[in-house]
Amino acid sequence: MGEGDKTPILCLHGGPGGTSRSYYNLSEISNKHPVIFFDQLGSGLSDHHQDTTLLKVDLFVEQVKAIKSELKLNEFYLLGSSWGAALALEYYKHYPKGIKGIIFNSPYFSTPIWTNDAAVLISKLPDSIQNAIYIAEKDSVFNTSSYIAADSYFASKHGRRKEFIKHPYDTLISKRNNFIYNYMWGPSEFTATGTLKNYDNVESLKKVTIPALFTTGEFDEARPETVKSLSKLIEGATFVSIPDAGHFSLNDNRPAVVKAIQEFIDHQEN
């Protein structure tokens, strides 16, 4: 996206099983820096599948490597949102060459940390919501109307807090793959039952030696207190809290996210 001729930005979406459509919201940046985004295999406009042998973290890393190689990206910024932040960190760990800076937006790096944050947020919700979640998790039954309602309530507070704003460029039907999400993660943002249940790669943050930006929403599932603490594991990293935004900060407060990314990149380019 964009006709800019400066260092491009390669964007990795969340999920797993999500889509890259939120990155249309970086269109202003693309006037100078081409914004490259793709749907990870199995979701969005990529072929959908339910082949669990493909749903391995290292194979997602190889997808990023394939894009980088095919597009001959000798130098680029790497941006990952949510699960995409974990993927960005994994990619950097294996293939750091050419990455000029890394941007972690509402990042996920560790399931224990993520679920602990979720527990903190859930503890502040109405008792009826907390009880519905407790019962579902105790019985491992997640298809009840009360659990689904609790999930929706949590999302309205800490996921996408505002009405969905569709970008003018977002014209094609692009669907997430719930099978991949459930298999790798679980039935909701706050209940991890999948293959990532014990995932933790926080230690890799200490090995990042390039400029880094961390952003997260004021009311994000990736709690500002936690993300700020994680940002301190990278020397010289920048942390920005996005006001009045949940996990979908590019929807809830697009201008603030764009500003943070632009300022970070401008600082590296100048």
Protein backbone atom coordinates (compact mmCIF):
# COMPACT_ATOMS: atom_id res chain seq x y z
CA MET A 1 0.00 0.00 0.00
CA GLY A 2 1.36 3.41 -0.95
CA GLU A 3 3.80 4.91 -3.42
CA GLY A 4 6.44 5.97 -0.90
CA ASP A 5 10.07 5.25 -1.68
CA LYS A 6 11.44 5.14 1.85
CA THR A 7 12.05 2.08 4.04
CA PRO A 8 8.95 -0.16 3.91
CA ILE A 9 7.01 -1.52 6.87
CA LEU A 10 6.12 -5.23 6.95
CA CYS A 11 3.05 -5.85 9.12
CA LEU A 12 2.01 -9.05 10.88
CA HIS A 13 -1.60 -9.43 12.00
CA GLY A 14 -3.02 -10.96 15.14
CA GLY A 15 -5.09 -14.00 15.91
CA PRO A 16 -3.77 -16.52 15.19
CA GLY A 17 -6.34 -16.81 12.46
CA GLY A 18 -7.05 -13.08 12.16
CA THR A 19 -6.70 -10.86 9.11
CA SER A 20 -4.48 -7.99 8.05
CA ARG A 21 -7.28 -5.57 7.18
CA SER A 22 -6.61 -3.28 10.16
CA TYR A 23 -3.37 -2.19 8.49
CA TYR A 24 -5.28 -0.20 5.89
CA ASN A 25 -5.42 2.30 8.76
CA LEU A 26 -1.74 3.07 8.18
CA SER A 27 -2.49 4.58 4.77
CA GLU A 28 -1.08 8.01 5.72
CA ILE A 29 2.28 6.47 6.54
CA SER A 30 2.35 4.74 3.16
CA ASN A 31 2.77 8.11 1.44
CA LYS A 32 6.44 7.87 2.45
CA HIS A 33 6.91 4.28 3.59
CA PRO A 34 5.24 1.46 1.65
CA VAL A 35 3.10 -0.60 4.04
CA ILE A 36 3.18 -4.31 3.28
CA PHE A 37 0.71 -6.67 4.91
CA PHE A 38 -0.49 -10.17 4.18
CA ASP A 39 -2.96 -12.69 5.55
CA GLN A 40 -1.16 -15.56 7.22
CA LEU A 41 -1.86 -18.95 5.63
CA GLY A 42 -5.27 -20.18 6.68
CA SER A 43 -7.11 -16.89 7.13
CA GLY A 44 -8.24 -13.67 5.48
CA LEU A 45 -7.63 -13.67 1.72
CA SER A 46 -5.11 -16.51 1.97
CA ASP A 47 -6.34 -20.07 1.48
CA HIS A 48 -8.25 -21.31 4.52
CA HIS A 49 -7.39 -24.71 5.94
CA GLN A 50 -7.73 -26.89 9.03
CA ASP A 51 -4.43 -28.74 8.67
CA THR A 52 -3.02 -28.72 12.19
CA THR A 53 0.43 -29.82 10.98
CA LEU A 54 0.77 -26.32 9.49
CA LEU A 55 -0.17 -24.56 12.71
CA LYS A 56 3.30 -24.39 14.24
CA VAL A 57 5.02 -21.20 15.32
CA ASP A 58 8.14 -21.97 13.28
CA LEU A 59 6.07 -22.40 10.13
CA PHE A 60 4.44 -19.01 10.64
CA VAL A 61 7.96 -17.58 10.90
CA GLU A 62 8.83 -19.21 7.57
CA GLN A 63 5.80 -17.50 5.98
CA VAL A 64 7.24 -14.13 6.97
CA LYS A 65 10.62 -15.20 5.61
CA ALA A 66 8.99 -16.19 2.30
CA ILE A 67 7.31 -12.78 1.97
CA LYS A 68 10.55 -10.98 2.82
CA SER A 69 12.52 -13.03 0.30
CA GLU A 70 9.94 -12.85 -2.51
CA LEU A 71 9.66 -9.07 -2.20
CA LYS A 72 13.44 -8.70 -1.85
CA LEU A 73 13.18 -6.58 1.28
CA ASN A 74 16.80 -5.79 2.06
CA GLU A 75 15.85 -3.30 4.78
CA PHE A 76 12.48 -2.83 6.48
CA TYR A 77 10.61 -2.09 9.67
CA LEU A 78 8.74 -5.01 11.23
CA LEU A 79 5.37 -4.34 12.90
CA GLY A 80 3.33 -6.93 14.77
CA SER A 81 0.00 -6.58 16.55
CA SER A 82 -1.13 -8.93 19.34
CA TRP A 83 -0.17 -12.46 18.20
CA GLY A 84 1.62 -10.69 15.35
CA ALA A 85 3.97 -9.17 17.95
CA ALA A 86 4.95 -12.67 19.10
CA LEU A 87 5.50 -13.61 15.47
CA ALA A 88 7.59 -10.48 14.87
CA LEU A 89 9.80 -11.30 17.86
CA GLU A 90 10.15 -14.92 16.73
CA TYR A 91 11.09 -13.75 13.23
CA TYR A 92 13.66 -11.31 14.59
CA LYS A 93 15.16 -14.07 16.74
CA HIS A 94 15.70 -16.28 13.68
CA TYR A 95 16.25 -13.71 10.90
CA PRO A 96 17.35 -10.33 12.29
CA LYS A 97 19.19 -9.22 9.15
CA GLY A 98 17.67 -6.18 7.44
CA ILE A 99 15.24 -5.20 10.21
CA LYS A 100 15.79 -1.49 10.85
CA GLY A 101 13.34 -1.23 13.75
CA ILE A 102 10.59 -3.29 15.36
CA ILE A 103 7.13 -2.14 16.45
CA PHE A 104 5.05 -4.12 18.94
CA ASN A 105 1.41 -2.99 18.94
CA SER A 106 -0.76 -4.33 21.79
CA PRO A 107 1.79 -7.14 22.09
CA TYR A 108 1.42 -10.75 23.15
CA PHE A 109 4.65 -12.55 24.05
CA SER A 110 3.61 -14.88 26.85
CA THR A 111 0.40 -16.77 27.61
CA PRO A 112 0.99 -16.76 31.39
CA ILE A 113 1.46 -12.99 31.32
CA TRP A 114 -1.56 -12.51 29.02
CA THR A 115 -3.90 -14.62 31.13
CA ASN A 116 -2.69 -12.96 34.33
CA ASP A 117 -3.54 -9.58 32.79
CA ALA A 118 -6.93 -10.94 31.75
CA ALA A 119 -7.57 -12.10 35.32
CA VAL A 120 -6.85 -8.60 36.60
CA LEU A 121 -9.29 -7.08 34.11
CA ILE A 122 -11.96 -9.73 34.75
CA SER A 123 -11.76 -9.09 38.49
CA LYS A 124 -13.08 -5.59 37.85
CA LEU A 125 -16.09 -6.72 35.80
CA PRO A 126 -19.62 -7.25 37.23
CA ASP A 127 -20.06 -10.35 39.40
CA SER A 128 -22.44 -11.94 36.90
CA ILE A 129 -19.77 -11.75 34.18
CA GLN A 130 -17.10 -13.14 36.49
CA ASN A 131 -19.36 -16.02 37.54
CA ALA A 132 -20.18 -16.96 33.95
CA ILE A 133 -16.46 -17.10 33.11
CA TYR A 134 -15.65 -19.07 36.26
CA ILE A 135 -18.32 -21.70 35.61
CA ALA A 136 -17.36 -22.12 31.95
CA GLU A 137 -13.69 -22.54 32.76
CA LYS A 138 -14.40 -24.92 35.67
CA ASP A 139 -16.56 -27.16 33.48
CA SER A 140 -14.60 -26.56 30.23
CA VAL A 141 -17.90 -25.74 28.52
CA PHE A 142 -17.59 -22.57 26.48
CA ASN A 143 -20.60 -22.60 24.17
CA THR A 144 -23.12 -21.41 26.72
CA SER A 145 -25.02 -18.18 26.19
CA SER A 146 -23.72 -16.79 29.49
CA TYR A 147 -20.06 -17.35 28.54
CA ILE A 148 -20.57 -15.93 25.06
CA ALA A 149 -22.25 -12.88 26.59
CA ALA A 150 -19.36 -12.50 29.05
CA ASP A 151 -16.90 -12.68 26.17
CA SER A 152 -18.78 -9.94 24.31
CA TYR A 153 -18.89 -7.75 27.40
CA PHE A 154 -15.15 -8.15 27.97
CA ALA A 155 -14.50 -7.30 24.31
CA SER A 156 -16.59 -4.12 24.56
CA LYS A 157 -14.41 -2.92 27.44
CA HIS A 158 -10.96 -4.14 26.43
CA GLY A 159 -11.16 -5.26 22.78
CA ARG A 160 -12.80 -2.87 20.33
CA ARG A 161 -14.37 -0.17 22.46
CA LYS A 162 -15.83 1.93 19.67
CA GLU A 163 -17.99 1.27 16.62
CA PHE A 164 -16.09 -0.40 13.80
CA ILE A 165 -14.71 2.15 11.33
CA LYS A 166 -14.17 0.70 7.89
CA HIS A 167 -11.29 2.14 5.90
CA PRO A 168 -12.11 3.21 2.31
CA TYR A 169 -9.46 0.79 0.99
CA ASP A 170 -11.04 -2.14 2.84
CA THR A 171 -13.32 -3.33 0.02
CA LEU A 172 -12.86 -7.11 -0.14
CA ILE A 173 -14.50 -9.70 2.09
CA SER A 174 -11.76 -10.99 4.39
CA LYS A 175 -12.73 -13.54 7.03
CA ARG A 176 -10.83 -14.74 10.07
CA ASN A 177 -10.40 -18.47 10.66
CA ASN A 178 -11.92 -19.40 14.01
CA PHE A 179 -10.64 -22.97 13.73
CA ILE A 180 -7.05 -21.72 13.82
CA TYR A 181 -7.83 -19.33 16.67
CA ASN A 182 -9.48 -22.04 18.75
CA TYR A 183 -6.82 -24.65 17.98
CA MET A 184 -3.84 -22.45 18.77
CA TRP A 185 -5.37 -20.12 21.38
CA GLY A 186 -8.81 -20.97 22.73
CA PRO A 187 -12.49 -20.00 22.99
CA SER A 188 -11.92 -16.37 24.02
CA GLU A 189 -9.24 -13.76 24.58
CA PHE A 190 -9.06 -14.60 28.27
CA THR A 191 -9.21 -18.41 28.11
CA ALA A 192 -6.21 -20.20 26.62
CA THR A 193 -6.73 -23.90 25.91
CA GLY A 194 -4.82 -24.37 22.63
CA THR A 195 -1.28 -25.15 21.56
CA LEU A 196 -0.08 -21.74 22.76
CA LYS A 197 -1.31 -22.41 26.29
CA ASN A 198 2.22 -22.54 27.70
CA TYR A 199 3.88 -20.24 25.17
CA ASP A 200 6.38 -17.76 26.63
CA ASN A 201 9.11 -15.96 24.69
CA VAL A 202 9.69 -12.93 26.91
CA GLU A 203 13.37 -13.76 27.32
CA SER A 204 13.93 -13.03 23.62
CA LEU A 205 13.09 -9.37 24.23
CA LYS A 206 16.38 -9.03 26.10
CA LYS A 207 18.24 -9.98 22.91
CA VAL A 208 16.69 -7.27 20.73
CA THR A 209 19.42 -4.80 19.77
CA ILE A 210 17.54 -2.63 17.27
CA PRO A 211 15.24 0.36 17.94
CA ALA A 212 11.88 -0.76 19.31
CA LEU A 213 8.48 0.85 19.86
CA PHE A 214 5.79 -0.57 22.13
CA THR A 215 2.21 0.75 21.88
CA THR A 216 -0.93 -0.40 23.64
CA GLY A 217 -4.39 0.94 24.34
CA GLU A 218 -5.28 2.67 27.59
CA PHE A 219 -7.87 -0.06 28.26
CA ASP A 220 -6.13 -2.82 26.30
CA GLU A 221 -6.06 -6.52 27.15
CA ALA A 222 -2.32 -6.00 26.83
CA ARG A 223 -2.38 -3.79 29.92
CA PRO A 224 -0.28 -0.60 29.73
CA GLU A 225 1.44 -1.41 33.03
CA THR A 226 2.55 -4.77 31.68
CA VAL A 227 3.59 -3.55 28.24
CA LYS A 228 5.57 -0.67 29.72
CA SER A 229 7.39 -3.15 31.97
CA LEU A 230 8.14 -5.43 29.00
CA SER A 231 9.45 -2.49 26.97
CA LYS A 232 12.15 -1.97 29.59
CA LEU A 233 13.69 -5.31 28.62
CA ILE A 234 14.96 -3.65 25.42
CA GLU A 235 17.52 -0.95 25.94
CA GLY A 236 16.30 2.41 24.65
CA ALA A 237 12.86 1.15 23.64
CA THR A 238 9.98 3.65 23.41
CA PHE A 239 6.60 3.04 25.08
CA VAL A 240 3.40 4.87 24.09
CA SER A 241 -0.01 4.37 25.69
CA ILE A 242 -2.86 5.06 23.23
CA PRO A 243 -5.58 7.10 24.98
CA ASP A 244 -9.21 5.96 25.00
CA ALA A 245 -8.45 2.73 23.14
CA GLY A 246 -8.78 -0.99 23.69
CA HIS A 247 -6.95 -3.82 21.96
CA PHE A 248 -8.07 -2.60 18.54
CA SER A 249 -6.30 0.72 18.94
CA LEU A 250 -6.06 1.28 15.16
CA ASN A 251 -9.85 1.42 15.21
CA ASP A 252 -10.42 3.15 18.55
CA ASN A 253 -7.78 5.88 18.21
CA ARG A 254 -6.18 5.60 14.81
CA PRO A 255 -4.57 9.09 14.82
CA ALA A 256 -2.64 8.37 18.03
CA VAL A 257 -1.28 5.05 16.74
CA VAL A 258 -0.29 6.55 13.40
CA LYS A 259 1.43 9.45 15.17
CA ALA A 260 3.40 7.12 17.44
CA ILE A 261 4.58 4.98 14.53
CA GLN A 262 5.40 7.97 12.34
CA GLU A 263 7.44 9.65 15.07
CA PHE A 264 9.31 6.43 15.82
CA ILE A 265 10.21 5.85 12.17
CA ASP A 266 11.05 9.50 11.54
CA HIS A 267 13.48 9.37 14.44
CA GLN A 268 15.26 6.37 12.87
CA GLU A 269 15.32 7.92 9.41
CA ASN A 270 16.73 11.30 10.46
